PDB file of N, CA and C in Angstrom:
ATOM      1  N   GLN A   1       0.834  -1.185   0.000  1.00  0.00           N
ATOM      2  CA  GLN A   1       0.000   0.000   0.000  1.00  0.00           C
ATOM      3  C   GLN A   1       0.878   1.248   0.000  1.00  0.00           C
ATOM      4  N   VAL A   2       0.559   2.173  -0.910  1.00  0.00           N
ATOM      5  CA  VAL A   2       1.280   3.432  -1.009  1.00  0.00           C
ATOM      6  C   VAL A   2       0.442   4.520  -0.357  1.00  0.00           C
ATOM      7  N   GLU A   3       1.021   5.225   0.590  1.00  0.00           N
ATOM      8  CA  GLU A   3       0.346   6.349   1.226  1.00  0.00           C
ATOM      9  C   GLU A   3       0.757   7.644   0.548  1.00  0.00           C
ATOM     10  N   LEU A   4      -0.232   8.476   0.244  1.00  0.00           N
ATOM     11  CA  LEU A   4      -0.008   9.752  -0.423  1.00  0.00           C
ATOM     12  C   LEU A   4      -0.548  10.870   0.458  1.00  0.00           C
ATOM     13  N   VAL A   5       0.225  11.923   0.619  1.00  0.00           N
ATOM     14  CA  VAL A   5      -0.169  13.055   1.443  1.00  0.00           C
ATOM     15  C   VAL A   5       0.001  14.336   0.646  1.00  0.00           C
ATOM     16  N   GLU A   6      -1.119  15.023   0.397  1.00  0.00           N
ATOM     17  CA  GLU A   6      -1.088  16.300  -0.310  1.00  0.00           C
ATOM     18  C   GLU A   6      -0.890  17.441   0.687  1.00  0.00           C
ATOM     19  N   SER A   7      -0.286  18.514   0.209  1.00  0.00           N
ATOM     20  CA  SER A   7      -0.119  19.711   1.014  1.00  0.00           C
ATOM     21  C   SER A   7       0.011  20.914   0.093  1.00  0.00           C
ATOM     22  N   GLY A   8      -0.089  22.103   0.665  1.00  0.00           N
ATOM     23  CA  GLY A   8       0.113  23.328  -0.083  1.00  0.00           C
ATOM     24  C   GLY A   8      -1.143  24.079  -0.456  1.00  0.00           C
ATOM     25  N   GLY A   9      -2.307  23.526  -0.164  1.00  0.00           N
ATOM     26  CA  GLY A   9      -3.545  24.211  -0.469  1.00  0.00           C
ATOM     27  C   GLY A   9      -3.747  25.426   0.422  1.00  0.00           C
ATOM     28  N   GLY A  10      -4.703  26.256   0.025  1.00  0.00           N
ATOM     29  CA  GLY A  10      -4.991  27.446   0.798  1.00  0.00           C
ATOM     30  C   GLY A  10      -5.884  28.395   0.040  1.00  0.00           C
ATOM     31  N   LEU A  11      -5.954  29.627   0.529  1.00  0.00           N
ATOM     32  CA  LEU A  11      -6.770  30.681  -0.061  1.00  0.00           C
ATOM     33  C   LEU A  11      -5.887  31.626  -0.865  1.00  0.00           C
ATOM     34  N   VAL A  12      -6.245  31.836  -2.129  1.00  0.00           N
ATOM     35  CA  VAL A  12      -5.517  32.760  -2.992  1.00  0.00           C
ATOM     36  C   VAL A  12      -6.499  33.620  -3.764  1.00  0.00           C
ATOM     37  N   GLN A  13      -6.039  34.782  -4.195  1.00  0.00           N
ATOM     38  CA  GLN A  13      -6.866  35.675  -4.995  1.00  0.00           C
ATOM     39  C   GLN A  13      -6.848  35.267  -6.459  1.00  0.00           C
ATOM     40  N   PRO A  14      -7.894  35.609  -7.204  1.00  0.00           N
ATOM     41  CA  PRO A  14      -7.864  35.355  -8.648  1.00  0.00           C
ATOM     42  C   PRO A  14      -6.623  35.961  -9.281  1.00  0.00           C
ATOM     43  N   GLY A  15      -6.003  35.208 -10.184  1.00  0.00           N
ATOM     44  CA  GLY A  15      -4.762  35.631 -10.802  1.00  0.00           C
ATOM     45  C   GLY A  15      -3.517  35.241 -10.038  1.00  0.00           C
ATOM     46  N   GLY A  16      -3.689  34.730  -8.840  1.00  0.00           N
ATOM     47  CA  GLY A  16      -2.568  34.331  -8.019  1.00  0.00           C
ATOM     48  C   GLY A  16      -2.033  32.958  -8.370  1.00  0.00           C
ATOM     49  N   SER A  17      -1.051  32.519  -7.590  1.00  0.00           N
ATOM     50  CA  SER A  17      -0.381  31.245  -7.830  1.00  0.00           C
ATOM     51  C   SER A  17      -0.305  30.435  -6.544  1.00  0.00           C
ATOM     52  N   LEU A  18      -0.200  29.133  -6.726  1.00  0.00           N
ATOM     53  CA  LEU A  18      -0.096  28.225  -5.600  1.00  0.00           C
ATOM     54  C   LEU A  18       0.621  26.968  -6.062  1.00  0.00           C
ATOM     55  N   ARG A  19       1.405  26.371  -5.185  1.00  0.00           N
ATOM     56  CA  ARG A  19       2.112  25.138  -5.494  1.00  0.00           C
ATOM     57  C   ARG A  19       1.679  24.035  -4.544  1.00  0.00           C
ATOM     58  N   LEU A  20       1.144  22.970  -5.106  1.00  0.00           N
ATOM     59  CA  LEU A  20       0.737  21.816  -4.331  1.00  0.00           C
ATOM     60  C   LEU A  20       1.819  20.745  -4.368  1.00  0.00           C
ATOM     61  N   SER A  21       1.897  19.974  -3.296  1.00  0.00           N
ATOM     62  CA  SER A  21       2.834  18.863  -3.217  1.00  0.00           C
ATOM     63  C   SER A  21       2.092  17.600  -2.824  1.00  0.00           C
ATOM     64  N   CYS A  22       2.607  16.478  -3.264  1.00  0.00           N
ATOM     65  CA  CYS A  22       2.083  15.177  -2.887  1.00  0.00           C
ATOM     66  C   CYS A  22       3.270  14.269  -2.646  1.00  0.00           C
ATOM     67  N   THR A  23       3.429  13.823  -1.415  1.00  0.00           N
ATOM     68  CA  THR A  23       4.559  12.993  -1.049  1.00  0.00           C
ATOM     69  C   THR A  23       4.107  11.554  -0.846  1.00  0.00           C
ATOM     70  N   ALA A  24       4.813  10.625  -1.469  1.00  0.00           N
ATOM     71  CA  ALA A  24       4.496   9.204  -1.399  1.00  0.00           C
ATOM     72  C   ALA A  24       5.375   8.510  -0.376  1.00  0.00           C
ATOM     73  N   SER A  25       4.820   7.483   0.241  1.00  0.00           N
ATOM     74  CA  SER A  25       5.530   6.761   1.294  1.00  0.00           C
ATOM     75  C   SER A  25       6.491   5.715   0.764  1.00  0.00           C
ATOM     76  N   ASP A  26       6.357   5.350  -0.492  1.00  0.00           N
ATOM     77  CA  ASP A  26       7.053   4.203  -1.046  1.00  0.00           C
ATOM     78  C   ASP A  26       8.182   4.627  -1.962  1.00  0.00           C
ATOM     79  N   ALA A  27       9.301   3.943  -1.837  1.00  0.00           N
ATOM     80  CA  ALA A  27      10.461   4.241  -2.670  1.00  0.00           C
ATOM     81  C   ALA A  27      10.278   3.819  -4.123  1.00  0.00           C
ATOM     82  N   THR A  28       9.232   3.035  -4.422  1.00  0.00           N
ATOM     83  CA  THR A  28       8.930   2.667  -5.797  1.00  0.00           C
ATOM     84  C   THR A  28       8.145   3.750  -6.531  1.00  0.00           C
ATOM     85  N   PHE A  29       8.030   4.924  -5.943  1.00  0.00           N
ATOM     86  CA  PHE A  29       7.334   6.066  -6.519  1.00  0.00           C
ATOM     87  C   PHE A  29       7.679   6.270  -7.991  1.00  0.00           C
ATOM     88  N   SER A  30       8.925   6.089  -8.341  1.00  0.00           N
ATOM     89  CA  SER A  30       9.391   6.417  -9.679  1.00  0.00           C
ATOM     90  C   SER A  30       8.757   5.570 -10.777  1.00  0.00           C
ATOM     91  N   ILE A  31       8.226   4.399 -10.462  1.00  0.00           N
ATOM     92  CA  ILE A  31       7.640   3.535 -11.483  1.00  0.00           C
ATOM     93  C   ILE A  31       6.157   3.816 -11.712  1.00  0.00           C
ATOM     94  N   TYR A  32       5.559   4.679 -10.902  1.00  0.00           N
ATOM     95  CA  TYR A  32       4.135   4.961 -11.008  1.00  0.00           C
ATOM     96  C   TYR A  32       3.852   6.132 -11.933  1.00  0.00           C
ATOM     97  N   ASP A  33       2.757   6.029 -12.666  1.00  0.00           N
ATOM     98  CA  ASP A  33       2.175   7.197 -13.303  1.00  0.00           C
ATOM     99  C   ASP A  33       1.437   7.992 -12.223  1.00  0.00           C
ATOM    100  N   MET A  34       1.573   9.310 -12.258  1.00  0.00           N
ATOM    101  CA  MET A  34       1.007  10.163 -11.221  1.00  0.00           C
ATOM    102  C   MET A  34       0.026  11.157 -11.829  1.00  0.00           C
ATOM    103  N   ASP A  35      -1.045  11.409 -11.103  1.00  0.00           N
ATOM    104  CA  ASP A  35      -2.098  12.300 -11.570  1.00  0.00           C
ATOM    105  C   ASP A  35      -2.499  13.285 -10.486  1.00  0.00           C
ATOM    106  N   TRP A  36      -2.998  14.432 -10.923  1.00  0.00           N
ATOM    107  CA  TRP A  36      -3.742  15.340 -10.067  1.00  0.00           C
ATOM    108  C   TRP A  36      -5.195  15.355 -10.531  1.00  0.00           C
ATOM    109  N   TYR A  37      -6.092  15.164  -9.585  1.00  0.00           N
ATOM    110  CA  TYR A  37      -7.520  15.309  -9.799  1.00  0.00           C
ATOM    111  C   TYR A  37      -8.031  16.426  -8.907  1.00  0.00           C
ATOM    112  N   ARG A  38      -9.201  16.929  -9.229  1.00  0.00           N
ATOM    113  CA  ARG A  38      -9.808  17.935  -8.373  1.00  0.00           C
ATOM    114  C   ARG A  38     -11.315  17.737  -8.336  1.00  0.00           C
ATOM    115  N   GLN A  39     -11.907  18.144  -7.230  1.00  0.00           N
ATOM    116  CA  GLN A  39     -13.341  18.009  -7.034  1.00  0.00           C
ATOM    117  C   GLN A  39     -13.906  19.341  -6.556  1.00  0.00           C
ATOM    118  N   PRO A  40     -14.537  20.098  -7.473  1.00  0.00           N
ATOM    119  CA  PRO A  40     -15.181  21.346  -7.064  1.00  0.00           C
ATOM    120  C   PRO A  40     -16.337  21.066  -6.114  1.00  0.00           C
ATOM    121  N   PRO A  41     -16.717  22.043  -5.302  1.00  0.00           N
ATOM    122  CA  PRO A  41     -17.828  21.834  -4.380  1.00  0.00           C
ATOM    123  C   PRO A  41     -19.110  21.480  -5.127  1.00  0.00           C
ATOM    124  N   GLY A  42     -19.756  20.414  -4.705  1.00  0.00           N
ATOM    125  CA  GLY A  42     -21.000  19.983  -5.313  1.00  0.00           C
ATOM    126  C   GLY A  42     -20.863  19.323  -6.668  1.00  0.00           C
ATOM    127  N   ASP A  43     -19.650  19.033  -7.093  1.00  0.00           N
ATOM    128  CA  ASP A  43     -19.417  18.451  -8.409  1.00  0.00           C
ATOM    129  C   ASP A  43     -18.629  17.151  -8.295  1.00  0.00           C
ATOM    130  N   GLN A  44     -18.435  16.512  -9.437  1.00  0.00           N
ATOM    131  CA  GLN A  44     -17.691  15.257  -9.495  1.00  0.00           C
ATOM    132  C   GLN A  44     -16.190  15.510  -9.524  1.00  0.00           C
ATOM    133  N   ARG A  45     -15.447  14.518  -9.105  1.00  0.00           N
ATOM    134  CA  ARG A  45     -14.001  14.584  -9.218  1.00  0.00           C
ATOM    135  C   ARG A  45     -13.601  14.515 -10.689  1.00  0.00           C
ATOM    136  N   GLU A  46     -12.703  15.394 -11.093  1.00  0.00           N
ATOM    137  CA  GLU A  46     -12.292  15.461 -12.482  1.00  0.00           C
ATOM    138  C   GLU A  46     -10.772  15.436 -12.586  1.00  0.00           C
ATOM    139  N   TRP A  47     -10.292  14.855 -13.653  1.00  0.00           N
ATOM    140  CA  TRP A  47      -8.872  14.783 -13.902  1.00  0.00           C
ATOM    141  C   TRP A  47      -8.325  16.135 -14.344  1.00  0.00           C
ATOM    142  N   ALA A  48      -7.161  16.503 -13.830  1.00  0.00           N
ATOM    143  CA  ALA A  48      -6.540  17.770 -14.182  1.00  0.00           C
ATOM    144  C   ALA A  48      -5.227  17.603 -14.936  1.00  0.00           C
ATOM    145  N   ALA A  49      -4.364  16.696 -14.482  1.00  0.00           N
ATOM    146  CA  ALA A  49      -3.044  16.576 -15.100  1.00  0.00           C
ATOM    147  C   ALA A  49      -2.424  15.232 -14.773  1.00  0.00           C
ATOM    148  N   THR A  50      -1.518  14.797 -15.633  1.00  0.00           N
ATOM    149  CA  THR A  50      -0.795  13.540 -15.470  1.00  0.00           C
ATOM    150  C   THR A  50       0.675  13.741 -15.788  1.00  0.00           C
ATOM    151  N   VAL A  51       1.534  13.113 -15.015  1.00  0.00           N
ATOM    152  CA  VAL A  51       2.916  12.931 -15.415  1.00  0.00           C
ATOM    153  C   VAL A  51       3.217  11.438 -15.287  1.00  0.00           C
ATOM    154  N   ARG A  52       3.539  10.812 -16.408  1.00  0.00           N
ATOM    155  CA  ARG A  52       3.813   9.390 -16.417  1.00  0.00           C
ATOM    156  C   ARG A  52       5.196   9.095 -15.860  1.00  0.00           C
ATOM    157  N   ALA A  53       5.441   7.813 -15.626  1.00  0.00           N
ATOM    158  CA  ALA A  53       6.744   7.401 -15.121  1.00  0.00           C
ATOM    159  C   ALA A  53       7.865   7.781 -16.086  1.00  0.00           C
ATOM    160  N   ASP A  54       7.553   7.820 -17.387  1.00  0.00           N
ATOM    161  CA  ASP A  54       8.566   8.181 -18.377  1.00  0.00           C
ATOM    162  C   ASP A  54       8.718   9.692 -18.541  1.00  0.00           C
ATOM    163  N   GLY A  55       7.980  10.474 -17.752  1.00  0.00           N
ATOM    164  CA  GLY A  55       8.085  11.916 -17.781  1.00  0.00           C
ATOM    165  C   GLY A  55       7.087  12.631 -18.663  1.00  0.00           C
ATOM    166  N   THR A  56       6.291  11.895 -19.423  1.00  0.00           N
ATOM    167  CA  THR A  56       5.300  12.497 -20.291  1.00  0.00           C
ATOM    168  C   THR A  56       4.259  13.261 -19.475  1.00  0.00           C
ATOM    169  N   ARG A  57       3.949  14.476 -19.888  1.00  0.00           N
ATOM    170  CA  ARG A  57       2.972  15.311 -19.204  1.00  0.00           C
ATOM    171  C   ARG A  57       1.737  15.510 -20.068  1.00  0.00           C
ATOM    172  N   ILE A  58       0.569  15.423 -19.433  1.00  0.00           N
ATOM    173  CA  ILE A  58      -0.706  15.618 -20.106  1.00  0.00           C
ATOM    174  C   ILE A  58      -1.574  16.499 -19.226  1.00  0.00           C
ATOM    175  N   TYR A  59      -2.339  17.398 -19.845  1.00  0.00           N
ATOM    176  CA  TYR A  59      -3.160  18.338 -19.109  1.00  0.00           C
ATOM    177  C   TYR A  59      -4.585  18.355 -19.630  1.00  0.00           C
ATOM    178  N   ALA A  60      -5.519  18.575 -18.716  1.00  0.00           N
ATOM    179  CA  ALA A  60      -6.884  18.844 -19.113  1.00  0.00           C
ATOM    180  C   ALA A  60      -6.957  20.223 -19.752  1.00  0.00           C
ATOM    181  N   THR A  61      -7.908  20.391 -20.667  1.00  0.00           N
ATOM    182  CA  THR A  61      -8.059  21.663 -21.356  1.00  0.00           C
ATOM    183  C   THR A  61      -8.237  22.820 -20.379  1.00  0.00           C
ATOM    184  N   SER A  62      -8.937  22.577 -19.287  1.00  0.00           N
ATOM    185  CA  SER A  62      -9.251  23.629 -18.338  1.00  0.00           C
ATOM    186  C   SER A  62      -8.027  24.206 -17.629  1.00  0.00           C
ATOM    187  N   VAL A  63      -6.927  23.449 -17.582  1.00  0.00           N
ATOM    188  CA  VAL A  63      -5.743  23.908 -16.861  1.00  0.00           C
ATOM    189  C   VAL A  63      -4.528  24.082 -17.754  1.00  0.00           C
ATOM    190  N   ARG A  64      -4.584  23.611 -18.977  1.00  0.00           N
ATOM    191  CA  ARG A  64      -3.447  23.678 -19.884  1.00  0.00           C
ATOM    192  C   ARG A  64      -3.003  25.124 -20.092  1.00  0.00           C
ATOM    193  N   GLY A  65      -1.711  25.355 -19.985  1.00  0.00           N
ATOM    194  CA  GLY A  65      -1.167  26.689 -20.130  1.00  0.00           C
ATOM    195  C   GLY A  65      -1.066  27.457 -18.839  1.00  0.00           C
ATOM    196  N   ARG A  66      -1.738  27.003 -17.798  1.00  0.00           N
ATOM    197  CA  ARG A  66      -1.705  27.670 -16.500  1.00  0.00           C
ATOM    198  C   ARG A  66      -1.067  26.811 -15.409  1.00  0.00           C
ATOM    199  N   PHE A  67      -1.256  25.501 -15.483  1.00  0.00           N
ATOM    200  CA  PHE A  67      -0.740  24.584 -14.469  1.00  0.00           C
ATOM    201  C   PHE A  67       0.438  23.801 -15.034  1.00  0.00           C
ATOM    202  N   THR A  68       1.370  23.447 -14.164  1.00  0.00           N
ATOM    203  CA  THR A  68       2.500  22.612 -14.534  1.00  0.00           C
ATOM    204  C   THR A  68       2.630  21.466 -13.536  1.00  0.00           C
ATOM    205  N   ILE A  69       2.589  20.241 -14.033  1.00  0.00           N
ATOM    206  CA  ILE A  69       2.788  19.072 -13.194  1.00  0.00           C
ATOM    207  C   ILE A  69       4.238  18.614 -13.324  1.00  0.00           C
ATOM    208  N   SER A  70       4.825  18.215 -12.216  1.00  0.00           N
ATOM    209  CA  SER A  70       6.204  17.752 -12.229  1.00  0.00           C
ATOM    210  C   SER A  70       6.411  16.746 -11.104  1.00  0.00           C
ATOM    211  N   ARG A  71       7.540  16.057 -11.148  1.00  0.00           N
ATOM    212  CA  ARG A  71       7.839  15.080 -10.112  1.00  0.00           C
ATOM    213  C   ARG A  71       9.321  15.101  -9.793  1.00  0.00           C
ATOM    214  N   ASP A  72       9.629  14.802  -8.542  1.00  0.00           N
ATOM    215  CA  ASP A  72      11.000  14.683  -8.071  1.00  0.00           C
ATOM    216  C   ASP A  72      11.123  13.279  -7.507  1.00  0.00           C
ATOM    217  N   ASN A  73      11.584  12.361  -8.325  1.00  0.00           N
ATOM    218  CA  ASN A  73      11.596  10.952  -7.923  1.00  0.00           C
ATOM    219  C   ASN A  73      12.471  10.662  -6.700  1.00  0.00           C
ATOM    220  N   PRO A  74      13.665  11.248  -6.595  1.00  0.00           N
ATOM    221  CA  PRO A  74      14.464  10.987  -5.391  1.00  0.00           C
ATOM    222  C   PRO A  74      13.772  11.418  -4.105  1.00  0.00           C
ATOM    223  N   LYS A  75      12.868  12.404  -4.189  1.00  0.00           N
ATOM    224  CA  LYS A  75      12.129  12.865  -3.021  1.00  0.00           C
ATOM    225  C   LYS A  75      10.744  12.239  -2.907  1.00  0.00           C
ATOM    226  N   ASN A  76      10.401  11.346  -3.824  1.00  0.00           N
ATOM    227  CA  ASN A  76       9.085  10.695  -3.839  1.00  0.00           C
ATOM    228  C   ASN A  76       7.955  11.722  -3.791  1.00  0.00           C
ATOM    229  N   THR A  77       8.103  12.796  -4.550  1.00  0.00           N
ATOM    230  CA  THR A  77       7.176  13.909  -4.456  1.00  0.00           C
ATOM    231  C   THR A  77       6.661  14.325  -5.825  1.00  0.00           C
ATOM    232  N   LEU A  78       5.369  14.582  -5.884  1.00  0.00           N
ATOM    233  CA  LEU A  78       4.683  15.111  -7.045  1.00  0.00           C
ATOM    234  C   LEU A  78       4.296  16.556  -6.755  1.00  0.00           C
ATOM    235  N   TYR A  79       4.365  17.417  -7.769  1.00  0.00           N
ATOM    236  CA  TYR A  79       4.027  18.823  -7.613  1.00  0.00           C
ATOM    237  C   TYR A  79       2.984  19.247  -8.636  1.00  0.00           C
ATOM    238  N   LEU A  80       2.241  20.280  -8.275  1.00  0.00           N
ATOM    239  CA  LEU A  80       1.369  20.961  -9.219  1.00  0.00           C
ATOM    240  C   LEU A  80       1.537  22.457  -9.000  1.00  0.00           C
ATOM    241  N   GLU A  81       2.179  23.123  -9.950  1.00  0.00           N
ATOM    242  CA  GLU A  81       2.325  24.566  -9.917  1.00  0.00           C
ATOM    243  C   GLU A  81       1.130  25.176 -10.630  1.00  0.00           C
ATOM    244  N   MET A  82       0.360  25.972  -9.916  1.00  0.00           N
ATOM    245  CA  MET A  82      -0.859  26.557 -10.441  1.00  0.00           C
ATOM    246  C   MET A  82      -0.677  28.061 -10.556  1.00  0.00           C
ATOM    247  N   ASN A  83      -0.850  28.577 -11.755  1.00  0.00           N
ATOM    248  CA  ASN A  83      -0.720  30.001 -12.027  1.00  0.00           C
ATOM    249  C   ASN A  83      -2.003  30.544 -12.630  1.00  0.00           C
ATOM    250  N   ASP A  84      -2.152  31.863 -12.572  1.00  0.00           N
ATOM    251  CA  ASP A  84      -3.332  32.529 -13.125  1.00  0.00           C
ATOM    252  C   ASP A  84      -4.610  31.860 -12.638  1.00  0.00           C
ATOM    253  N   LEU A  85      -4.702  31.679 -11.352  1.00  0.00           N
ATOM    254  CA  LEU A  85      -5.819  30.947 -10.777  1.00  0.00           C
ATOM    255  C   LEU A  85      -7.136  31.697 -10.958  1.00  0.00           C
ATOM    256  N   LYS A  86      -8.182  30.935 -11.191  1.00  0.00           N
ATOM    257  CA  LYS A  86      -9.521  31.455 -11.378  1.00  0.00           C
ATOM    258  C   LYS A  86     -10.442  30.879 -10.308  1.00  0.00           C
ATOM    259  N   SER A  87     -11.571  31.527 -10.111  1.00  0.00           N
ATOM    260  CA  SER A  87     -12.532  31.028  -9.137  1.00  0.00           C
ATOM    261  C   SER A  87     -12.980  29.607  -9.485  1.00  0.00           C
ATOM    262  N   GLU A  88     -12.992  29.283 -10.765  1.00  0.00           N
ATOM    263  CA  GLU A  88     -13.376  27.951 -11.211  1.00  0.00           C
ATOM    264  C   GLU A  88     -12.387  26.867 -10.788  1.00  0.00           C
ATOM    265  N   ASP A  89     -11.199  27.271 -10.355  1.00  0.00           N
ATOM    266  CA  ASP A  89     -10.203  26.314  -9.886  1.00  0.00           C
ATOM    267  C   ASP A  89     -10.432  25.897  -8.437  1.00  0.00           C
ATOM    268  N   THR A  90     -11.370  26.530  -7.766  1.00  0.00           N
ATOM    269  CA  THR A  90     -11.673  26.176  -6.382  1.00  0.00           C
ATOM    270  C   THR A  90     -12.132  24.726  -6.310  1.00  0.00           C
ATOM    271  N   ALA A  91     -11.440  23.931  -5.509  1.00  0.00           N
ATOM    272  CA  ALA A  91     -11.735  22.503  -5.420  1.00  0.00           C
ATOM    273  C   ALA A  91     -10.842  21.873  -4.365  1.00  0.00           C
ATOM    274  N   VAL A  92     -11.179  20.645  -4.005  1.00  0.00           N
ATOM    275  CA  VAL A  92     -10.252  19.805  -3.264  1.00  0.00           C
ATOM    276  C   VAL A  92      -9.388  19.086  -4.294  1.00  0.00           C
ATOM    277  N   TYR A  93      -8.088  19.197  -4.144  1.00  0.00           N
ATOM    278  CA  TYR A  93      -7.152  18.608  -5.089  1.00  0.00           C
ATOM    279  C   TYR A  93      -6.573  17.320  -4.515  1.00  0.00           C
ATOM    280  N   TYR A  94      -6.603  16.258  -5.326  1.00  0.00           N
ATOM    281  CA  TYR A  94      -6.143  14.939  -4.924  1.00  0.00           C
ATOM    282  C   TYR A  94      -5.030  14.463  -5.845  1.00  0.00           C
ATOM    283  N   CYS A  95      -4.049  13.799  -5.292  1.00  0.00           N
ATOM    284  CA  CYS A  95      -3.064  13.127  -6.125  1.00  0.00           C
ATOM    285  C   CYS A  95      -3.376  11.632  -6.183  1.00  0.00           C
ATOM    286  N   ARG A  96      -2.962  11.009  -7.276  1.00  0.00           N
ATOM    287  CA  ARG A  96      -3.178   9.588  -7.483  1.00  0.00           C
ATOM    288  C   ARG A  96      -1.918   8.952  -8.026  1.00  0.00           C
ATOM    289  N   ALA A  97      -1.598   7.790  -7.506  1.00  0.00           N
ATOM    290  CA  ALA A  97      -0.497   6.978  -8.005  1.00  0.00           C
ATOM    291  C   ALA A  97      -1.079   5.727  -8.645  1.00  0.00           C
ATOM    292  N   ARG A  98      -0.656   5.441  -9.856  1.00  0.00           N
ATOM    293  CA  ARG A  98      -1.197   4.297 -10.589  1.00  0.00           C
ATOM    294  C   ARG A  98      -0.067   3.509 -11.228  1.00  0.00           C
ATOM    295  N   HIS A  99       0.004   2.236 -10.882  1.00  0.00           N
ATOM    296  CA  HIS A  99       0.997   1.388 -11.513  1.00  0.00           C
ATOM    297  C   HIS A  99       0.645   1.250 -12.994  1.00  0.00           C
ATOM    298  N   PRO A 100       1.615   1.394 -13.874  1.00  0.00           N
ATOM    299  CA  PRO A 100       1.297   1.412 -15.304  1.00  0.00           C
ATOM    300  C   PRO A 100       0.739   0.108 -15.852  1.00  0.00           C
ATOM    301  N   THR A 101       0.965  -1.027 -15.193  1.00  0.00           N
ATOM    302  CA  THR A 101       0.472  -2.311 -15.687  1.00  0.00           C
ATOM    303  C   THR A 101      -0.442  -3.040 -14.712  1.00  0.00           C
ATOM    304  N   ASN A 102      -0.263  -2.855 -13.432  1.00  0.00           N
ATOM    305  CA  ASN A 102      -1.077  -3.516 -12.418  1.00  0.00           C
ATOM    306  C   ASN A 102      -2.232  -2.598 -12.021  1.00  0.00           C
ATOM    307  N   THR A 103      -3.420  -2.863 -12.546  1.00  0.00           N
ATOM    308  CA  THR A 103      -4.566  -1.993 -12.312  1.00  0.00           C
ATOM    309  C   THR A 103      -5.038  -1.997 -10.863  1.00  0.00           C
ATOM    310  N   ARG A 104      -4.654  -2.987 -10.100  1.00  0.00           N
ATOM    311  CA  ARG A 104      -5.005  -3.028  -8.685  1.00  0.00           C
ATOM    312  C   ARG A 104      -4.181  -2.049  -7.854  1.00  0.00           C
ATOM    313  N   SER A 105      -3.039  -1.672  -8.351  1.00  0.00           N
ATOM    314  CA  SER A 105      -2.141  -0.803  -7.601  1.00  0.00           C
ATOM    315  C   SER A 105      -2.412   0.651  -7.953  1.00  0.00           C
ATOM    316  N   THR A 106      -3.514   1.173  -7.414  1.00  0.00           N
ATOM    317  CA  THR A 106      -3.907   2.564  -7.591  1.00  0.00           C
ATOM    318  C   THR A 106      -4.215   3.147  -6.224  1.00  0.00           C
ATOM    319  N   TYR A 107      -3.634   4.307  -5.918  1.00  0.00           N
ATOM    320  CA  TYR A 107      -3.737   4.883  -4.583  1.00  0.00           C
ATOM    321  C   TYR A 107      -4.076   6.362  -4.667  1.00  0.00           C
ATOM    322  N   TRP A 108      -4.847   6.815  -3.685  1.00  0.00           N
ATOM    323  CA  TRP A 108      -5.286   8.200  -3.608  1.00  0.00           C
ATOM    324  C   TRP A 108      -4.834   8.850  -2.313  1.00  0.00           C
ATOM    325  N   GLY A 109      -4.541  10.134  -2.381  1.00  0.00           N
ATOM    326  CA  GLY A 109      -4.312  10.915  -1.188  1.00  0.00           C
ATOM    327  C   GLY A 109      -5.624  11.410  -0.601  1.00  0.00           C
ATOM    328  N   GLN A 110      -5.546  12.117   0.514  1.00  0.00           N
ATOM    329  CA  GLN A 110      -6.731  12.595   1.218  1.00  0.00           C
ATOM    330  C   GLN A 110      -7.240  13.936   0.704  1.00  0.00           C
ATOM    331  N   GLY A 111      -6.449  14.619  -0.080  1.00  0.00           N
ATOM    332  CA  GLY A 111      -6.863  15.867  -0.680  1.00  0.00           C
ATOM    333  C   GLY A 111      -6.412  17.095   0.084  1.00  0.00           C
ATOM    334  N   THR A 112      -6.293  18.202  -0.627  1.00  0.00           N
ATOM    335  CA  THR A 112      -5.981  19.494  -0.027  1.00  0.00           C
ATOM    336  C   THR A 112      -6.860  20.561  -0.672  1.00  0.00           C
ATOM    337  N   GLN A 113      -7.415  21.440   0.141  1.00  0.00           N
ATOM    338  CA  GLN A 113      -8.379  22.430  -0.326  1.00  0.00           C
ATOM    339  C   GLN A 113      -7.677  23.627  -0.954  1.00  0.00           C
ATOM    340  N   VAL A 114      -8.140  24.008  -2.138  1.00  0.00           N
ATOM    341  CA  VAL A 114      -7.705  25.229  -2.803  1.00  0.00           C
ATOM    342  C   VAL A 114      -8.928  26.112  -3.006  1.00  0.00           C
ATOM    343  N   THR A 115      -8.876  27.320  -2.485  1.00  0.00           N
ATOM    344  CA  THR A 115      -9.969  28.269  -2.630  1.00  0.00           C
ATOM    345  C   THR A 115      -9.449  29.525  -3.310  1.00  0.00           C
ATOM    346  N   VAL A 116     -10.055  29.882  -4.427  1.00  0.00           N
ATOM    347  CA  VAL A 116      -9.678  31.072  -5.183  1.00  0.00           C
ATOM    348  C   VAL A 116     -10.802  32.082  -5.034  1.00  0.00           C
ATOM    349  N   SER A 117     -10.531  33.150  -4.327  1.00  0.00           N
ATOM    350  CA  SER A 117     -11.557  34.138  -4.037  1.00  0.00           C
ATOM    351  C   SER A 117     -10.910  35.468  -3.697  1.00  0.00           C
ATOM    352  N   SER A 118     -11.582  36.545  -4.071  1.00  0.00           N
ATOM    353  CA  SER A 118     -11.121  37.878  -3.721  1.00  0.00           C
ATOM    354  C   SER A 118     -11.721  38.357  -2.409  1.00  0.00           C
TER     355      SER A 118
END
């Protein structure tokens, strides 16, 4: 079992920036594909960004050009740099670790709240 802990959420003004972190408990972090999901209040959880084990980055249309996903494998840490934040970005943000071949090996963090408001 891989434990994931998100941090870095908070309250920011529209147009501001925030950096989220997700730290994994397992040293096998580097072999996992990693994702950021978010769940706006009263809505479904939606995918925001992916960085695969091979370094490939993919973004949802809603965040492309504003958010940057990255990983530091020696630190077992995933990041999400969020810029030009909008009120629509308000959500609980979750990280996910997914083994690229073993579909049973998928793990979620507990989430961190991001609120964009003036």
